[in-house]
Amino acid sequence: MTEETSIPPALQGSCHCGAVRLTLPSMPETATKCNCSLCRRLGGLWAYYPLGAVRIEGHPENTSDYVWGDKTLRTFRCKICGCATHWEPIDGALGARHGVNLSNFPPSLQVSVRVRNFDGADAWTFID
C-alpha cells in the first residue's frame, strides 16, 4: 500500500481546479467560522494545525497571497480558480500554527467537525 492510498479520502482536499491540494495530518476536532471582514467574505471554515503539519501541494507555484490589517498573516488562494486554501503567519516562529480552509474538503469531513463561531469583527472572542 502506498502512502497516498493509506490516507483517508476525507483528509484530502483541493481548490476547485485541483492545482492546490491539501492533506491533513489528522481529523480536526473543531473548526472556526469567523465573522471578521475577510473571513466573512471568504466563507472560510478554518481548522488549525502546527505550521508545516499539513501537506500543501501546488504551493507556492499555484498560489497568491493577501496580507492586510496588522500584517501578521498571509492568506493564500489558488491563482487559477481563486479558492482560498489556507493562511500562514508571516514570521513563522517556532510553535506557530496555520489555518486550513475546510471548505476545500469533502462535505463528510465538514459535518463531522464541531464548528465554533468566532466574533473577529467586534469582541474578538468565541460566541458559541
N, C-alpha and C. Protein backbone atom coordinates (compact mmCIF):
# COMPACT_ATOMS: atom_id res chain seq x y z
N MET A 1 0.84 -1.17 0.00
CA MET A 1 0.00 0.00 0.00
C MET A 1 0.89 1.24 0.00
N THR A 2 0.59 2.20 -0.89
CA THR A 2 1.37 3.42 -0.96
C THR A 2 0.88 4.42 0.07
N GLU A 3 1.70 5.42 0.30
CA GLU A 3 1.31 6.45 1.27
C GLU A 3 0.01 7.12 0.84
N GLU A 4 -0.15 7.42 -0.46
CA GLU A 4 -1.34 8.08 -0.97
C GLU A 4 -2.60 7.26 -0.68
N THR A 5 -2.56 5.95 -0.86
CA THR A 5 -3.75 5.14 -0.66
C THR A 5 -4.02 4.87 0.81
N SER A 6 -3.04 5.11 1.69
CA SER A 6 -3.26 4.88 3.11
C SER A 6 -3.88 6.10 3.80
N ILE A 7 -3.98 7.22 3.10
CA ILE A 7 -4.57 8.43 3.66
C ILE A 7 -6.07 8.40 3.42
N PRO A 8 -6.88 8.51 4.47
CA PRO A 8 -8.34 8.51 4.28
C PRO A 8 -8.75 9.65 3.33
N PRO A 9 -9.65 9.38 2.39
CA PRO A 9 -10.08 10.40 1.44
C PRO A 9 -10.60 11.68 2.09
N ALA A 10 -11.22 11.56 3.27
CA ALA A 10 -11.76 12.74 3.95
C ALA A 10 -10.67 13.72 4.34
N LEU A 11 -9.44 13.25 4.47
CA LEU A 11 -8.34 14.13 4.87
C LEU A 11 -7.65 14.79 3.68
N GLN A 12 -8.15 14.52 2.49
CA GLN A 12 -7.57 15.10 1.28
C GLN A 12 -8.56 16.08 0.67
N GLY A 13 -8.07 17.26 0.33
CA GLY A 13 -8.91 18.28 -0.27
C GLY A 13 -8.15 19.04 -1.33
N SER A 14 -8.86 19.89 -2.03
CA SER A 14 -8.21 20.71 -3.06
C SER A 14 -9.07 21.92 -3.35
N CYS A 15 -8.44 22.88 -4.01
CA CYS A 15 -9.19 24.01 -4.53
C CYS A 15 -10.10 23.47 -5.64
N HIS A 16 -10.90 24.31 -6.22
CA HIS A 16 -11.86 23.87 -7.23
C HIS A 16 -11.20 23.23 -8.45
N CYS A 17 -10.10 23.82 -8.93
CA CYS A 17 -9.46 23.29 -10.14
C CYS A 17 -8.45 22.19 -9.86
N GLY A 18 -8.08 22.00 -8.59
CA GLY A 18 -7.14 20.94 -8.22
C GLY A 18 -5.67 21.32 -8.29
N ALA A 19 -5.38 22.57 -8.59
CA ALA A 19 -3.98 23.00 -8.68
C ALA A 19 -3.31 23.06 -7.30
N VAL A 20 -4.11 23.26 -6.25
CA VAL A 20 -3.59 23.28 -4.88
C VAL A 20 -4.29 22.14 -4.14
N ARG A 21 -3.48 21.20 -3.62
CA ARG A 21 -4.01 20.02 -2.94
C ARG A 21 -3.52 20.02 -1.49
N LEU A 22 -4.42 19.71 -0.58
CA LEU A 22 -4.13 19.76 0.85
C LEU A 22 -4.38 18.39 1.47
N THR A 23 -3.45 17.96 2.31
CA THR A 23 -3.62 16.71 3.05
C THR A 23 -3.43 17.00 4.53
N LEU A 24 -4.47 16.73 5.31
CA LEU A 24 -4.42 16.98 6.75
C LEU A 24 -3.70 15.83 7.45
N PRO A 25 -2.96 16.12 8.51
CA PRO A 25 -2.28 15.06 9.25
C PRO A 25 -3.23 14.25 10.12
N SER A 26 -4.38 14.83 10.45
CA SER A 26 -5.36 14.16 11.30
C SER A 26 -6.69 14.88 11.16
N MET A 27 -7.74 14.23 11.59
CA MET A 27 -9.07 14.83 11.56
C MET A 27 -9.12 15.97 12.57
N PRO A 28 -9.59 17.14 12.17
CA PRO A 28 -9.69 18.23 13.15
C PRO A 28 -10.81 17.96 14.15
N GLU A 29 -10.61 18.38 15.38
CA GLU A 29 -11.65 18.23 16.39
C GLU A 29 -12.67 19.35 16.29
N THR A 30 -12.19 20.54 15.96
CA THR A 30 -13.07 21.70 15.82
C THR A 30 -12.66 22.49 14.58
N ALA A 31 -13.55 23.35 14.16
CA ALA A 31 -13.28 24.31 13.10
C ALA A 31 -13.84 25.65 13.55
N THR A 32 -13.32 26.71 12.97
CA THR A 32 -13.74 28.05 13.36
C THR A 32 -14.36 28.77 12.18
N LYS A 33 -15.53 29.31 12.41
CA LYS A 33 -16.17 30.20 11.44
C LYS A 33 -16.09 31.59 12.05
N CYS A 34 -15.41 32.48 11.34
CA CYS A 34 -15.14 33.83 11.85
C CYS A 34 -15.94 34.85 11.04
N ASN A 35 -16.34 35.94 11.69
CA ASN A 35 -17.09 36.98 11.01
C ASN A 35 -16.28 38.25 10.78
N CYS A 36 -14.95 38.16 10.83
CA CYS A 36 -14.15 39.35 10.56
C CYS A 36 -14.36 39.77 9.10
N SER A 37 -13.89 40.93 8.75
CA SER A 37 -14.16 41.48 7.42
C SER A 37 -13.63 40.60 6.29
N LEU A 38 -12.56 39.85 6.51
CA LEU A 38 -12.04 38.97 5.47
C LEU A 38 -12.73 37.60 5.49
N CYS A 39 -12.78 36.97 6.64
CA CYS A 39 -13.35 35.61 6.72
C CYS A 39 -14.80 35.56 6.28
N ARG A 40 -15.58 36.57 6.62
CA ARG A 40 -16.99 36.54 6.21
C ARG A 40 -17.12 36.64 4.70
N ARG A 41 -16.18 37.30 4.06
CA ARG A 41 -16.21 37.38 2.60
C ARG A 41 -15.69 36.09 1.94
N LEU A 42 -14.69 35.49 2.58
CA LEU A 42 -14.14 34.24 2.05
C LEU A 42 -15.07 33.05 2.29
N GLY A 43 -15.85 33.12 3.35
CA GLY A 43 -16.70 31.98 3.71
C GLY A 43 -15.87 30.82 4.22
N GLY A 44 -14.73 31.14 4.80
CA GLY A 44 -13.82 30.09 5.27
C GLY A 44 -14.31 29.37 6.50
N LEU A 45 -13.97 28.10 6.57
CA LEU A 45 -14.19 27.27 7.76
C LEU A 45 -12.81 26.76 8.13
N TRP A 46 -12.22 27.32 9.17
CA TRP A 46 -10.80 27.15 9.45
C TRP A 46 -10.51 26.07 10.49
N ALA A 47 -9.59 25.19 10.16
CA ALA A 47 -9.04 24.21 11.10
C ALA A 47 -7.57 24.57 11.28
N TYR A 48 -7.07 24.41 12.48
CA TYR A 48 -5.71 24.85 12.80
C TYR A 48 -4.78 23.68 13.06
N TYR A 49 -3.57 23.80 12.54
CA TYR A 49 -2.54 22.78 12.69
C TYR A 49 -1.20 23.47 12.91
N PRO A 50 -0.24 22.76 13.52
CA PRO A 50 1.10 23.33 13.63
C PRO A 50 1.63 23.67 12.23
N LEU A 51 2.30 24.78 12.14
CA LEU A 51 2.86 25.21 10.85
C LEU A 51 3.72 24.10 10.26
N GLY A 52 3.42 23.72 9.02
CA GLY A 52 4.16 22.68 8.33
C GLY A 52 3.57 21.28 8.47
N ALA A 53 2.56 21.11 9.31
CA ALA A 53 1.98 19.77 9.51
C ALA A 53 1.07 19.34 8.37
N VAL A 54 0.50 20.29 7.66
CA VAL A 54 -0.39 19.99 6.54
C VAL A 54 0.44 19.94 5.26
N ARG A 55 0.26 18.89 4.48
CA ARG A 55 0.96 18.83 3.19
C ARG A 55 0.17 19.66 2.19
N ILE A 56 0.85 20.63 1.59
CA ILE A 56 0.20 21.51 0.62
C ILE A 56 0.97 21.40 -0.69
N GLU A 57 0.36 20.76 -1.66
CA GLU A 57 0.97 20.60 -2.97
C GLU A 57 0.45 21.69 -3.90
N GLY A 58 1.31 22.19 -4.76
CA GLY A 58 0.93 23.28 -5.64
C GLY A 58 1.14 24.64 -5.02
N HIS A 59 1.79 24.67 -3.87
CA HIS A 59 2.09 25.92 -3.17
C HIS A 59 3.59 26.02 -3.02
N PRO A 60 4.22 27.07 -3.43
CA PRO A 60 3.67 28.38 -3.77
C PRO A 60 3.44 28.62 -5.27
N GLU A 61 3.79 27.68 -6.13
CA GLU A 61 3.71 27.95 -7.57
C GLU A 61 2.30 28.26 -8.07
N ASN A 62 1.27 27.73 -7.43
CA ASN A 62 -0.11 27.97 -7.89
C ASN A 62 -0.92 28.82 -6.93
N THR A 63 -0.26 29.49 -6.00
CA THR A 63 -0.99 30.33 -5.05
C THR A 63 -0.52 31.78 -5.13
N SER A 64 -1.39 32.66 -4.69
CA SER A 64 -1.01 34.05 -4.47
C SER A 64 -1.49 34.40 -3.07
N ASP A 65 -0.87 35.39 -2.49
CA ASP A 65 -1.20 35.71 -1.10
C ASP A 65 -1.78 37.11 -0.97
N TYR A 66 -2.41 37.30 0.18
CA TYR A 66 -3.01 38.58 0.53
C TYR A 66 -2.65 38.87 1.98
N VAL A 67 -2.10 40.04 2.21
CA VAL A 67 -1.71 40.47 3.56
C VAL A 67 -2.45 41.77 3.84
N TRP A 68 -3.06 41.86 5.01
CA TRP A 68 -3.80 43.07 5.34
C TRP A 68 -3.75 43.31 6.85
N GLY A 69 -4.42 44.35 7.30
CA GLY A 69 -4.56 44.63 8.73
C GLY A 69 -3.22 44.79 9.43
N ASP A 70 -3.03 44.00 10.50
CA ASP A 70 -1.81 44.13 11.30
C ASP A 70 -0.61 43.43 10.67
N LYS A 71 -0.77 42.89 9.49
CA LYS A 71 0.32 42.29 8.70
C LYS A 71 1.02 41.14 9.43
N THR A 72 0.24 40.30 10.11
CA THR A 72 0.82 39.14 10.79
C THR A 72 0.50 37.83 10.06
N LEU A 73 -0.53 37.86 9.19
CA LEU A 73 -0.95 36.64 8.47
C LEU A 73 -0.92 36.88 6.97
N ARG A 74 -0.69 35.79 6.27
CA ARG A 74 -0.70 35.78 4.81
C ARG A 74 -1.77 34.76 4.42
N THR A 75 -2.85 35.22 3.76
CA THR A 75 -3.93 34.34 3.33
C THR A 75 -3.69 33.96 1.87
N PHE A 76 -3.76 32.65 1.59
CA PHE A 76 -3.45 32.16 0.24
C PHE A 76 -4.69 31.71 -0.49
N ARG A 77 -4.66 31.88 -1.80
CA ARG A 77 -5.72 31.40 -2.68
C ARG A 77 -5.06 30.81 -3.91
N CYS A 78 -5.79 29.95 -4.59
CA CYS A 78 -5.32 29.40 -5.85
C CYS A 78 -5.35 30.52 -6.88
N LYS A 79 -4.26 30.73 -7.60
CA LYS A 79 -4.27 31.80 -8.58
C LYS A 79 -4.95 31.41 -9.88
N ILE A 80 -5.41 30.17 -9.98
CA ILE A 80 -6.15 29.75 -11.17
C ILE A 80 -7.65 29.88 -10.94
N CYS A 81 -8.18 29.22 -9.89
CA CYS A 81 -9.64 29.24 -9.65
C CYS A 81 -10.07 30.23 -8.57
N GLY A 82 -9.14 30.74 -7.77
CA GLY A 82 -9.46 31.76 -6.78
C GLY A 82 -9.90 31.28 -5.42
N CYS A 83 -9.99 29.97 -5.19
CA CYS A 83 -10.43 29.47 -3.89
C CYS A 83 -9.40 29.74 -2.80
N ALA A 84 -9.88 30.25 -1.66
CA ALA A 84 -9.00 30.44 -0.50
C ALA A 84 -8.64 29.07 0.06
N THR A 85 -7.35 28.81 0.24
CA THR A 85 -6.91 27.48 0.67
C THR A 85 -6.41 27.45 2.11
N HIS A 86 -5.62 28.44 2.51
CA HIS A 86 -5.03 28.40 3.85
C HIS A 86 -4.44 29.76 4.19
N TRP A 87 -4.05 29.90 5.45
CA TRP A 87 -3.29 31.08 5.86
C TRP A 87 -2.10 30.63 6.69
N GLU A 88 -1.08 31.48 6.69
CA GLU A 88 0.16 31.21 7.45
C GLU A 88 0.58 32.49 8.14
N PRO A 89 1.26 32.36 9.28
CA PRO A 89 1.82 33.55 9.91
C PRO A 89 3.00 34.04 9.08
N ILE A 90 3.17 35.33 9.02
CA ILE A 90 4.28 35.89 8.24
C ILE A 90 5.62 35.56 8.88
N ASP A 91 5.71 35.62 10.21
CA ASP A 91 7.01 35.39 10.84
C ASP A 91 7.38 33.91 10.95
N GLY A 92 6.41 33.00 10.99
CA GLY A 92 6.69 31.57 11.05
C GLY A 92 7.50 31.14 12.25
N ALA A 93 7.28 31.79 13.38
CA ALA A 93 8.03 31.48 14.61
C ALA A 93 7.77 30.06 15.07
N LEU A 94 8.71 29.52 15.83
CA LEU A 94 8.58 28.19 16.40
C LEU A 94 7.28 28.10 17.19
N GLY A 95 6.53 27.04 16.96
CA GLY A 95 5.27 26.84 17.65
C GLY A 95 4.08 27.51 16.97
N ALA A 96 4.33 28.15 15.83
CA ALA A 96 3.25 28.83 15.12
C ALA A 96 2.28 27.81 14.52
N ARG A 97 1.09 28.28 14.23
CA ARG A 97 0.10 27.43 13.58
C ARG A 97 -0.37 28.11 12.30
N HIS A 98 -1.01 27.32 11.47
CA HIS A 98 -1.65 27.89 10.30
C HIS A 98 -3.07 27.36 10.20
N GLY A 99 -3.87 28.06 9.40
CA GLY A 99 -5.26 27.68 9.23
C GLY A 99 -5.49 27.10 7.85
N VAL A 100 -6.30 26.06 7.79
CA VAL A 100 -6.64 25.40 6.54
C VAL A 100 -8.14 25.55 6.33
N ASN A 101 -8.53 25.94 5.13
CA ASN A 101 -9.94 26.15 4.83
C ASN A 101 -10.61 24.81 4.54
N LEU A 102 -11.42 24.35 5.48
CA LEU A 102 -12.10 23.06 5.32
C LEU A 102 -13.16 23.07 4.23
N SER A 103 -13.47 24.23 3.69
CA SER A 103 -14.42 24.30 2.58
C SER A 103 -13.86 23.61 1.33
N ASN A 104 -12.57 23.32 1.32
CA ASN A 104 -11.93 22.62 0.20
C ASN A 104 -11.92 21.11 0.39
N PHE A 105 -12.60 20.61 1.42
CA PHE A 105 -12.61 19.18 1.73
C PHE A 105 -14.01 18.62 1.53
N PRO A 106 -14.14 17.30 1.48
CA PRO A 106 -15.46 16.69 1.29
C PRO A 106 -16.45 17.13 2.37
N PRO A 107 -17.72 17.30 1.99
CA PRO A 107 -18.74 17.67 2.97
C PRO A 107 -18.80 16.72 4.16
N SER A 108 -18.45 15.46 3.96
CA SER A 108 -18.48 14.49 5.07
C SER A 108 -17.51 14.89 6.18
N LEU A 109 -16.39 15.50 5.83
CA LEU A 109 -15.45 15.97 6.85
C LEU A 109 -16.05 17.17 7.58
N GLN A 110 -16.60 18.08 6.83
CA GLN A 110 -17.14 19.31 7.43
C GLN A 110 -18.26 19.02 8.43
N VAL A 111 -19.15 18.10 8.12
CA VAL A 111 -20.27 17.82 9.03
C VAL A 111 -19.85 17.02 10.26
N SER A 112 -18.66 16.42 10.21
CA SER A 112 -18.21 15.63 11.36
C SER A 112 -17.38 16.44 12.35
N VAL A 113 -17.19 17.72 12.07
CA VAL A 113 -16.37 18.59 12.92
C VAL A 113 -17.26 19.59 13.64
N ARG A 114 -17.01 19.77 14.92
CA ARG A 114 -17.74 20.79 15.69
C ARG A 114 -17.27 22.17 15.24
N VAL A 115 -18.22 23.01 14.85
CA VAL A 115 -17.90 24.36 14.37
C VAL A 115 -18.11 25.34 15.50
N ARG A 116 -17.09 26.14 15.74
CA ARG A 116 -17.16 27.21 16.74
C ARG A 116 -17.24 28.54 16.01
N ASN A 117 -18.10 29.42 16.49
CA ASN A 117 -18.26 30.74 15.88
C ASN A 117 -17.42 31.75 16.64
N PHE A 118 -16.63 32.50 15.87
CA PHE A 118 -15.71 33.47 16.46
C PHE A 118 -16.09 34.87 16.00
N ASP A 119 -16.24 35.78 16.95
CA ASP A 119 -16.54 37.18 16.62
C ASP A 119 -15.22 37.93 16.42
N GLY A 120 -14.72 37.85 15.21
CA GLY A 120 -13.49 38.57 14.86
C GLY A 120 -13.77 39.99 14.41
N ALA A 121 -15.05 40.35 14.29
CA ALA A 121 -15.43 41.69 13.86
C ALA A 121 -15.44 42.68 15.02
N ASP A 122 -15.89 42.22 16.19
CA ASP A 122 -16.06 43.15 17.30
C ASP A 122 -15.39 42.68 18.60
N ALA A 123 -15.89 41.60 19.17
CA ALA A 123 -15.49 41.20 20.53
C ALA A 123 -14.17 40.41 20.58
N TRP A 124 -13.76 39.83 19.46
CA TRP A 124 -12.54 39.02 19.38
C TRP A 124 -12.59 37.86 20.39
N THR A 125 -13.74 37.17 20.39
CA THR A 125 -13.95 36.05 21.28
C THR A 125 -14.93 35.05 20.65
N PHE A 126 -14.93 33.82 21.14
CA PHE A 126 -15.89 32.83 20.65
C PHE A 126 -17.27 33.21 21.16
N ILE A 127 -18.28 33.02 20.32
CA ILE A 127 -19.64 33.43 20.68
C ILE A 127 -20.61 32.24 20.69
N ASP A 128 -20.09 31.05 20.89
CA ASP A 128 -20.98 29.91 20.96
C ASP A 128 -21.03 29.29 22.34
